[in-house]
């Protein structure tokens, strides 16, 4: 069995938005990483739903990594200052 057929998970990297810099191990769905994920997080003590879209997939030391970009339009509104995160 090759490494590709044995793989069951990947690492999601959140590159911007409220979860910028976070990493999470996620299960492959049908052998593939998700193209869109919804993430719950507390912001100022309130639970919020944030949507992220896959923008890049790559291998790092034999591990699949997928980078996700924040979709502010579909996410719960939060006061997120992009200038503080550049």
Protein backbone atom coordinates (compact mmCIF):
# COMPACT_ATOMS: atom_id res chain seq x y z
CA UNK A 1 0.00 0.00 0.00
CA UNK A 2 1.45 3.38 -0.96
CA UNK A 3 1.61 6.38 1.36
CA UNK A 4 -1.14 8.09 -0.67
CA UNK A 5 -3.66 5.26 -0.22
CA UNK A 6 -2.84 4.96 3.49
CA UNK A 7 -3.34 8.66 4.18
CA UNK A 8 -6.44 9.47 6.22
CA UNK A 9 -5.81 13.04 7.35
CA UNK A 10 -4.21 16.34 6.44
CA UNK A 11 -3.13 19.52 8.18
CA UNK A 12 -5.29 22.61 7.67
CA UNK A 13 -3.43 25.92 7.90
CA UNK A 14 -5.50 29.07 8.44
CA UNK A 15 -3.62 31.91 6.75
CA UNK A 16 -5.77 34.91 7.69
CA UNK A 17 -8.91 36.03 9.51
CA UNK A 18 -9.71 35.32 13.16
CA UNK A 19 -7.95 31.94 13.09
CA UNK A 20 -4.78 33.21 11.40
CA UNK A 21 -1.78 31.08 12.30
CA UNK A 22 -3.83 28.14 13.62
CA UNK A 23 -3.24 24.57 12.42
CA UNK A 24 -5.59 21.62 12.72
CA UNK A 25 -5.42 17.93 11.78
CA UNK A 26 -8.53 17.07 9.77
CA UNK A 27 -9.83 13.84 8.24
CA UNK A 28 -9.87 13.40 4.49
CA UNK A 29 -13.38 13.13 3.04
CA UNK A 30 -13.60 10.58 0.26
CA UNK A 31 -9.80 10.51 0.18
CA UNK A 32 -9.54 14.26 -0.42
CA UNK A 33 -9.20 17.37 1.74
CA UNK A 34 -12.21 19.62 2.09
CA UNK A 35 -12.45 22.65 -0.18
CA UNK A 36 -14.41 24.64 2.43
CA UNK A 37 -14.54 24.34 6.22
CA UNK A 38 -16.63 25.98 8.90
CA UNK A 39 -14.85 26.63 12.19
CA UNK A 40 -16.41 27.61 15.51
CA UNK A 41 -14.37 29.92 17.73
CA UNK A 42 -15.01 32.24 20.64
CA UNK A 43 -14.34 35.91 19.94
CA UNK A 44 -14.74 38.25 22.90
CA UNK A 45 -16.59 35.44 24.70
CA UNK A 46 -19.14 34.85 21.91
CA UNK A 47 -19.22 31.70 19.76
CA UNK A 48 -18.89 32.58 16.09
CA UNK A 49 -18.88 30.53 12.87
CA UNK A 50 -16.05 31.30 10.45
CA UNK A 51 -15.89 29.94 6.90
CA UNK A 52 -12.60 29.23 5.18
CA UNK A 53 -11.89 28.19 1.57
CA UNK A 54 -8.95 26.04 0.41
CA UNK A 55 -6.50 28.03 -1.71
CA UNK A 56 -3.40 25.81 -1.88
CA UNK A 57 -2.46 22.18 -1.31
CA UNK A 58 1.10 20.88 -0.92
CA UNK A 59 3.24 18.13 0.59
CA UNK A 60 5.57 18.95 3.50
CA UNK A 61 7.80 16.10 4.69
CA UNK A 62 5.31 13.56 3.32
CA UNK A 63 2.35 15.23 5.01
CA UNK A 64 -0.51 16.83 3.07
CA UNK A 65 -1.07 20.46 4.03
CA UNK A 66 -3.92 22.65 2.81
CA UNK A 67 -3.96 26.42 3.25
CA UNK A 68 -7.34 28.05 3.92
CA UNK A 69 -8.34 31.69 3.38
CA UNK A 70 -11.00 33.46 5.46
CA UNK A 71 -14.38 34.15 3.80
CA UNK A 72 -15.59 37.21 5.72
CA UNK A 73 -18.79 37.59 3.65
CA UNK A 74 -20.18 34.18 4.69
CA UNK A 75 -18.83 34.22 8.27
CA UNK A 76 -20.41 35.62 11.41
CA UNK A 77 -19.56 39.30 11.75
CA UNK A 78 -16.67 40.10 14.07
CA UNK A 79 -14.57 43.14 14.64
CA UNK A 80 -11.41 41.91 12.95
CA UNK A 81 -8.72 44.50 12.27
CA UNK A 82 -6.75 43.34 9.24
CA UNK A 83 -4.16 46.07 9.85
CA UNK A 84 -3.24 44.39 13.15
CA UNK A 85 -2.60 41.12 11.30
CA UNK A 86 -0.41 42.19 8.38
